[in-house]
Amino acid sequence: MDKAARIYIAGAHTLVGRALHRRLARQGYAAVIHGDDEGALTDAAAVDAFFARTAPSHVFVVGGRSGGIRANQKYPADLMLNNLLMACHVLHGAYRHGVTKLLYLASSCVYPKHSPQPMRVDALLTGPLEETSEAYAVAKLAGIKLCQAYRQQCGANFVSGIPADAFGPGDDFSFEDSHVVAALMRKMHEAKTAGAESVEIWGTGTPRREFIFTEDLADACIHVMRAYNEPHPINLGGGSEFSIGELAELVKEIVGYPGALRFDTSKPDGMPSKVLDWSVLRDLGWRPRVSVRSALSQTYAWFLTAEQRSGAVGAH
């Protein structure tokens, strides 16, 4: 992927898509193609016309609706259908119009609920998925398998990546769709502002998660686009592993919330543990650059600026 490559980010308006656009610009890639809005990715005719008009050589597929446990419980059909349609149309469009290489981003929830830790790609499809995110995970698994199918049948250089839980400036802080970092940050900020004595957190606090800053994830995606050409998915981790309870304590410190944390054990935990074996990525010469503490501080600073600018928490 040379500096003149015509690069399309399918999902450029997502958290990862915006970070990827910033990172590509910093690295001197000047021909990044601006696509249509997220809804157009589920329209076969619109996707095909876009590829015909713009002729990208490299494609990063980072779009598709996502959310935390609450969103997965309330909107499983919406999440599944959106991701299935996007994967089908974008991958087919890329193949039809001769894209040189494509990277499809899945999610760590594609691993079995009780996958051995750290999770290796040979554990995929070896056991049942976590129930709360099953519909979304099946759609993401379909995207991985579709990449492999195009490689097998058509010789397309389509690869897939499985990222750790990403967060960063520009994250979704809404109650409905936020992931764990943004949800904790918003709850503790509002509790601090209101002078609340405690904050309620879903679950037991014991599940373990691996987190990656969006700027690091974007950098890892570019590295994979340059250096990885295998049919098997590659884990995109960063080695920053915390229990939800440990993460909550760290967010509490960064926000400056003085109250207590109260865990509601009647609410679901999700997968017991999601920690990636990212040794393949490490062997390719990639390392994360930003510590989780620094990344959380940058994310909270963005949140405060967005709140002041909009007058409403979570607007962006």
Protein backbone atom coordinates (compact mmCIF):
# COMPACT_ATOMS: atom_id res chain seq x y z
CA MET A 1 0.00 0.00 0.00
CA ASP A 2 2.05 2.93 -1.26
CA LYS A 3 1.31 6.56 -0.39
CA ALA A 4 -0.65 7.07 -3.60
CA ALA A 5 -3.02 4.15 -2.96
CA ARG A 6 -6.71 4.97 -3.29
CA ILE A 7 -8.01 3.96 0.12
CA TYR A 8 -11.67 3.57 1.06
CA ILE A 9 -12.78 3.37 4.69
CA ALA A 10 -16.17 1.65 4.79
CA GLY A 11 -17.50 3.07 8.03
CA ALA A 12 -15.47 6.30 8.01
CA HIS A 13 -17.86 7.96 10.45
CA THR A 14 -17.47 5.28 13.15
CA LEU A 15 -15.12 5.59 16.11
CA VAL A 16 -12.49 3.38 14.46
CA GLY A 17 -13.10 4.88 11.02
CA ARG A 18 -12.37 8.42 12.19
CA ALA A 19 -9.21 7.28 14.00
CA LEU A 20 -8.11 5.40 10.88
CA HIS A 21 -8.64 8.48 8.73
CA ARG A 22 -6.52 10.59 11.11
CA ARG A 23 -3.74 7.98 11.23
CA LEU A 24 -3.64 7.59 7.43
CA ALA A 25 -3.39 11.37 7.01
CA ARG A 26 -0.52 11.55 9.52
CA GLN A 27 1.32 8.82 7.64
CA GLY A 28 1.07 10.66 4.33
CA TYR A 29 -1.72 8.77 2.56
CA ALA A 30 -3.33 11.53 0.51
CA ALA A 31 -5.88 9.59 -1.56
CA VAL A 32 -8.38 8.55 1.12
CA ILE A 33 -11.83 8.33 -0.46
CA HIS A 34 -14.78 9.78 1.39
CA GLY A 35 -17.77 7.47 1.20
CA ASP A 36 -21.48 7.87 1.75
CA ASP A 37 -23.12 7.73 5.14
CA GLU A 38 -23.31 4.51 7.13
CA GLY A 39 -26.81 3.62 5.90
CA ALA A 40 -25.63 3.39 2.30
CA LEU A 41 -23.38 0.43 3.17
CA THR A 42 -26.44 -1.82 3.45
CA ASP A 43 -27.72 -0.87 -0.03
CA ALA A 44 -26.29 -3.20 -2.70
CA ALA A 45 -26.87 -0.82 -5.62
CA ALA A 46 -25.39 2.16 -3.77
CA VAL A 47 -22.28 0.19 -2.75
CA ASP A 48 -21.72 -1.13 -6.27
CA ALA A 49 -22.14 2.33 -7.79
CA PHE A 50 -19.72 3.78 -5.26
CA PHE A 51 -16.99 1.25 -6.11
CA ALA A 52 -17.54 1.79 -9.83
CA ARG A 53 -17.26 5.56 -9.42
CA THR A 54 -14.28 5.73 -7.05
CA ALA A 55 -12.19 2.62 -7.92
CA PRO A 56 -10.40 2.16 -4.58
CA SER A 57 -7.36 -0.12 -4.45
CA HIS A 58 -7.46 -0.80 -0.69
CA VAL A 59 -10.49 -1.08 1.58
CA PHE A 60 -10.82 -1.02 5.37
CA VAL A 61 -14.22 -2.38 6.46
CA VAL A 62 -14.78 -0.92 9.93
CA GLY A 63 -18.47 -0.05 9.73
CA GLY A 64 -21.59 -1.76 11.03
CA ARG A 65 -23.79 -1.04 14.02
CA SER A 66 -22.51 -2.11 17.42
CA GLY A 67 -23.25 -1.55 21.09
CA GLY A 68 -22.82 -2.79 24.62
CA ILE A 69 -24.87 -5.41 26.46
CA ARG A 70 -27.95 -3.17 26.64
CA ALA A 71 -28.03 -2.56 22.87
CA ASN A 72 -27.36 -6.24 22.08
CA GLN A 73 -30.29 -7.27 24.27
CA LYS A 74 -32.71 -4.70 22.85
CA TYR A 75 -31.77 -4.69 19.15
CA PRO A 76 -30.29 -8.07 18.15
CA ALA A 77 -32.11 -8.17 14.80
CA ASP A 78 -31.04 -4.61 13.89
CA LEU A 79 -27.41 -5.28 14.79
CA MET A 80 -27.29 -8.61 12.98
CA LEU A 81 -29.04 -7.45 9.80
CA ASN A 82 -27.00 -4.25 9.52
CA ASN A 83 -23.68 -6.10 9.82
CA LEU A 84 -24.69 -8.94 7.51
CA LEU A 85 -25.84 -6.59 4.75
CA MET A 86 -22.78 -4.36 5.07
CA ALA A 87 -20.36 -7.31 4.88
CA CYS A 88 -22.16 -8.89 1.92
CA HIS A 89 -22.39 -5.73 -0.18
CA VAL A 90 -19.00 -4.18 0.59
CA LEU A 91 -17.02 -7.40 0.14
CA HIS A 92 -18.85 -8.26 -3.07
CA GLY A 93 -18.38 -4.72 -4.38
CA ALA A 94 -14.67 -4.88 -3.57
CA TYR A 95 -14.32 -8.17 -5.44
CA ARG A 96 -16.37 -7.08 -8.46
CA HIS A 97 -14.33 -3.91 -8.90
CA GLY A 98 -10.89 -5.40 -8.48
CA VAL A 99 -9.78 -4.11 -5.09
CA THR A 100 -6.16 -5.07 -4.43
CA LYS A 101 -6.61 -5.79 -0.71
CA LEU A 102 -9.35 -5.57 1.90
CA LEU A 103 -9.24 -5.70 5.71
CA TYR A 104 -12.48 -6.61 7.49
CA LEU A 105 -12.79 -5.85 11.21
CA ALA A 106 -14.83 -8.30 13.27
CA SER A 107 -15.19 -8.28 17.09
CA SER A 108 -13.79 -10.29 19.99
CA CYS A 109 -17.32 -11.48 20.77
CA VAL A 110 -16.95 -13.94 17.85
CA TYR A 111 -15.05 -16.25 20.20
CA PRO A 112 -16.88 -18.97 22.17
CA LYS A 113 -18.20 -17.88 25.56
CA HIS A 114 -15.81 -20.19 27.40
CA SER A 115 -12.89 -19.92 25.00
CA PRO A 116 -9.45 -20.74 26.48
CA GLN A 117 -7.56 -17.58 27.44
CA PRO A 118 -5.85 -15.80 25.81
CA MET A 119 -8.09 -16.42 22.81
CA ARG A 120 -6.48 -17.89 19.71
CA VAL A 121 -8.06 -17.95 16.27
CA ASP A 122 -8.12 -21.75 16.25
CA ALA A 123 -10.76 -21.51 19.00
CA LEU A 124 -13.30 -19.91 16.64
CA LEU A 125 -16.47 -21.97 16.17
CA THR A 126 -15.44 -24.54 18.78
CA GLY A 127 -18.23 -23.74 21.26
CA PRO A 128 -21.41 -21.74 21.93
CA LEU A 129 -21.27 -17.94 21.81
CA GLU A 130 -22.12 -15.61 24.68
CA GLU A 131 -25.92 -15.32 24.64
CA THR A 132 -26.23 -11.54 25.04
CA SER A 133 -24.21 -10.79 21.88
CA GLU A 134 -24.92 -13.92 19.86
CA ALA A 135 -26.78 -12.28 16.96
CA TYR A 136 -24.11 -9.61 16.45
CA ALA A 137 -21.32 -12.20 16.80
CA VAL A 138 -22.87 -14.49 14.17
CA ALA A 139 -22.95 -11.58 11.71
CA LYS A 140 -19.29 -10.79 12.38
CA LEU A 141 -18.36 -14.47 12.00
CA ALA A 142 -20.16 -14.46 8.66
CA GLY A 143 -17.98 -11.52 7.58
CA ILE A 144 -14.82 -13.46 8.50
CA LYS A 145 -16.02 -16.52 6.63
CA LEU A 146 -17.02 -14.46 3.61
CA CYS A 147 -13.48 -13.07 3.41
CA GLN A 148 -12.15 -16.62 3.47
CA ALA A 149 -14.68 -17.75 0.86
CA TYR A 150 -13.66 -15.02 -1.58
CA ARG A 151 -10.00 -15.96 -1.03
CA GLN A 152 -10.72 -19.65 -1.68
CA GLN A 153 -12.99 -19.27 -4.69
CA CYS A 154 -11.73 -16.09 -6.31
CA GLY A 155 -8.18 -15.55 -5.03
CA ALA A 156 -9.15 -12.21 -3.48
CA ASN A 157 -6.67 -10.83 -0.94
CA PHE A 158 -9.28 -10.30 1.77
CA VAL A 159 -8.06 -10.55 5.38
CA SER A 160 -9.91 -10.15 8.66
CA GLY A 161 -8.92 -8.76 12.04
CA ILE A 162 -10.40 -9.33 15.50
CA PRO A 163 -9.84 -6.27 17.69
CA ALA A 164 -9.85 -5.96 21.45
CA ASP A 165 -12.48 -3.63 22.96
CA ALA A 166 -11.75 -0.23 21.41
CA PHE A 167 -12.36 3.18 22.97
CA GLY A 168 -11.20 6.75 22.50
CA PRO A 169 -12.15 10.34 21.68
CA GLY A 170 -15.38 10.47 19.69
CA ASP A 171 -16.81 7.39 21.37
CA ASP A 172 -20.58 6.91 21.74
CA PHE A 173 -21.55 7.95 25.26
CA SER A 174 -25.30 7.32 24.87
CA PHE A 175 -27.05 5.02 27.35
CA GLU A 176 -28.40 2.79 24.57
CA ASP A 177 -25.33 2.12 22.44
CA SER A 178 -22.23 2.82 24.54
CA HIS A 179 -19.59 0.21 25.28
CA VAL A 180 -18.17 -0.31 28.75
CA VAL A 181 -15.52 2.45 28.87
CA ALA A 182 -17.86 5.18 27.62
CA ALA A 183 -20.72 3.90 29.80
CA LEU A 184 -18.59 3.97 32.96
CA MET A 185 -17.17 7.37 32.13
CA ARG A 186 -20.57 8.93 31.56
CA LYS A 187 -22.10 7.37 34.68
CA MET A 188 -19.29 8.57 36.92
CA HIS A 189 -19.21 12.04 35.39
CA GLU A 190 -22.94 12.48 35.92
CA ALA A 191 -22.71 11.11 39.46
CA LYS A 192 -19.86 13.52 40.23
CA THR A 193 -21.82 16.45 38.79
CA ALA A 194 -24.95 15.49 40.74
CA GLY A 195 -23.11 14.70 43.98
CA ALA A 196 -24.46 11.14 44.00
CA GLU A 197 -23.13 8.87 46.74
CA SER A 198 -22.76 5.80 44.50
CA VAL A 199 -22.74 4.58 40.91
CA GLU A 200 -24.46 1.39 39.80
CA ILE A 201 -22.48 -0.89 37.48
CA TRP A 202 -23.99 -3.85 35.65
CA GLY A 203 -22.81 -7.31 36.69
CA THR A 204 -20.33 -8.61 39.22
CA GLY A 205 -17.31 -6.65 38.05
CA THR A 206 -15.28 -9.86 37.66
CA PRO A 207 -15.28 -10.40 33.85
CA ARG A 208 -11.93 -9.61 32.27
CA ARG A 209 -11.53 -7.57 29.11
CA GLU A 210 -8.68 -6.42 26.90
CA PHE A 211 -8.80 -2.80 25.76
CA ILE A 212 -7.13 -0.93 22.92
CA PHE A 213 -7.03 2.80 22.23
CA THR A 214 -8.59 3.67 18.87
CA GLU A 215 -5.45 5.45 17.70
CA ASP A 216 -3.45 2.29 18.38
CA LEU A 217 -6.08 0.12 16.71
CA ALA A 218 -6.00 2.33 13.62
CA ASP A 219 -2.23 2.01 13.51
CA ALA A 220 -2.51 -1.78 13.87
CA CYS A 221 -5.00 -1.90 10.97
CA ILE A 222 -2.59 -0.05 8.68
CA HIS A 223 0.24 -2.36 9.76
CA VAL A 224 -1.89 -5.42 8.96
CA MET A 225 -2.86 -3.97 5.58
CA ARG A 226 0.83 -3.66 4.75
CA ALA A 227 2.19 -6.84 6.29
CA TYR A 228 -0.43 -9.59 6.72
CA ASN A 229 -1.79 -11.75 3.89
CA GLU A 230 -3.00 -14.97 5.51
CA PRO A 231 -6.46 -16.58 5.30
CA HIS A 232 -6.81 -16.89 9.08
CA PRO A 233 -8.05 -13.87 11.08
CA ILE A 234 -5.45 -11.95 13.05
CA ASN A 235 -6.07 -10.74 16.62
CA LEU A 236 -5.56 -7.00 17.10
CA GLY A 237 -4.80 -6.63 20.80
CA GLY A 238 -2.62 -4.49 22.96
CA GLY A 239 -2.05 -6.49 26.10
CA SER A 240 -4.01 -4.12 28.41
CA GLU A 241 -6.20 -6.47 30.43
CA PHE A 242 -8.49 -5.49 33.32
CA SER A 243 -11.49 -6.83 35.17
CA ILE A 244 -14.56 -4.60 34.86
CA GLY A 245 -14.10 -3.76 38.54
CA GLU A 246 -10.47 -2.72 37.99
CA LEU A 247 -11.46 -0.65 34.96
CA ALA A 248 -14.22 1.04 36.97
CA GLU A 249 -11.73 2.02 39.68
CA LEU A 250 -9.38 3.49 37.08
CA VAL A 251 -12.17 5.46 35.38
CA LYS A 252 -13.34 6.66 38.80
CA GLU A 253 -9.85 8.02 39.49
CA ILE A 254 -9.57 9.75 36.12
CA VAL A 255 -13.04 11.31 36.36
CA GLY A 256 -12.40 12.33 39.96
CA TYR A 257 -15.58 10.76 41.29
CA PRO A 258 -15.42 10.42 45.12
CA GLY A 259 -18.40 8.10 45.66
CA ALA A 260 -18.83 4.34 45.93
CA LEU A 261 -19.15 1.74 43.17
CA ARG A 262 -22.13 -0.60 43.54
CA PHE A 263 -22.30 -3.72 41.37
CA ASP A 264 -25.76 -4.94 40.37
CA THR A 265 -25.28 -8.71 40.22
CA SER A 266 -28.80 -9.21 38.85
CA LYS A 267 -27.58 -7.77 35.53
CA PRO A 268 -25.64 -9.87 32.97
CA ASP A 269 -21.86 -10.00 32.90
CA GLY A 270 -21.40 -11.01 29.28
CA MET A 271 -18.45 -13.26 28.48
CA PRO A 272 -16.40 -14.27 31.55
CA SER A 273 -13.16 -13.25 29.85
CA LYS A 274 -12.11 -11.74 26.51
CA VAL A 275 -8.33 -11.53 26.28
CA LEU A 276 -6.67 -11.93 22.89
CA ASP A 277 -3.53 -13.82 21.95
CA TRP A 278 -1.99 -11.13 19.73
CA SER A 279 1.38 -12.84 19.30
CA VAL A 280 1.03 -12.95 15.49
CA LEU A 281 0.60 -9.18 15.35
CA ARG A 282 3.52 -8.74 17.75
CA ASP A 283 5.68 -10.99 15.57
CA LEU A 284 4.89 -8.72 12.62
CA GLY A 285 6.68 -5.95 14.52
CA TRP A 286 3.71 -3.99 15.90
CA ARG A 287 3.32 -2.63 19.44
CA PRO A 288 0.76 -0.24 20.99
CA ARG A 289 2.03 3.26 21.71
CA VAL A 290 -0.44 4.66 24.23
CA SER A 291 -0.99 3.41 27.80
CA VAL A 292 -4.56 2.72 28.89
CA ARG A 293 -4.34 5.41 31.59
CA SER A 294 -3.26 8.03 29.05
CA ALA A 295 -5.89 6.85 26.57
CA LEU A 296 -8.64 7.08 29.20
CA SER A 297 -7.50 10.58 30.15
CA GLN A 298 -7.59 11.69 26.50
CA THR A 299 -11.05 10.16 26.09
CA TYR A 300 -12.41 11.93 29.18
CA ALA A 301 -10.89 15.24 28.06
CA TRP A 302 -12.69 14.84 24.72
CA PHE A 303 -15.94 14.01 26.53
CA LEU A 304 -15.71 17.17 28.64
CA THR A 305 -15.04 19.32 25.58
CA ALA A 306 -17.95 17.75 23.69
CA GLU A 307 -20.26 18.32 26.63
CA GLN A 308 -19.28 21.96 26.92
CA ARG A 309 -19.63 22.49 23.20
CA SER A 310 -23.04 20.90 22.88
CA GLY A 311 -24.54 21.57 26.29
CA ALA A 312 -25.60 17.93 26.47
CA VAL A 313 -23.70 14.92 27.73
CA GLY A 314 -22.67 12.53 25.01
CA ALA A 315 -23.29 14.73 21.98
CA HIS A 316 -20.67 14.41 19.27
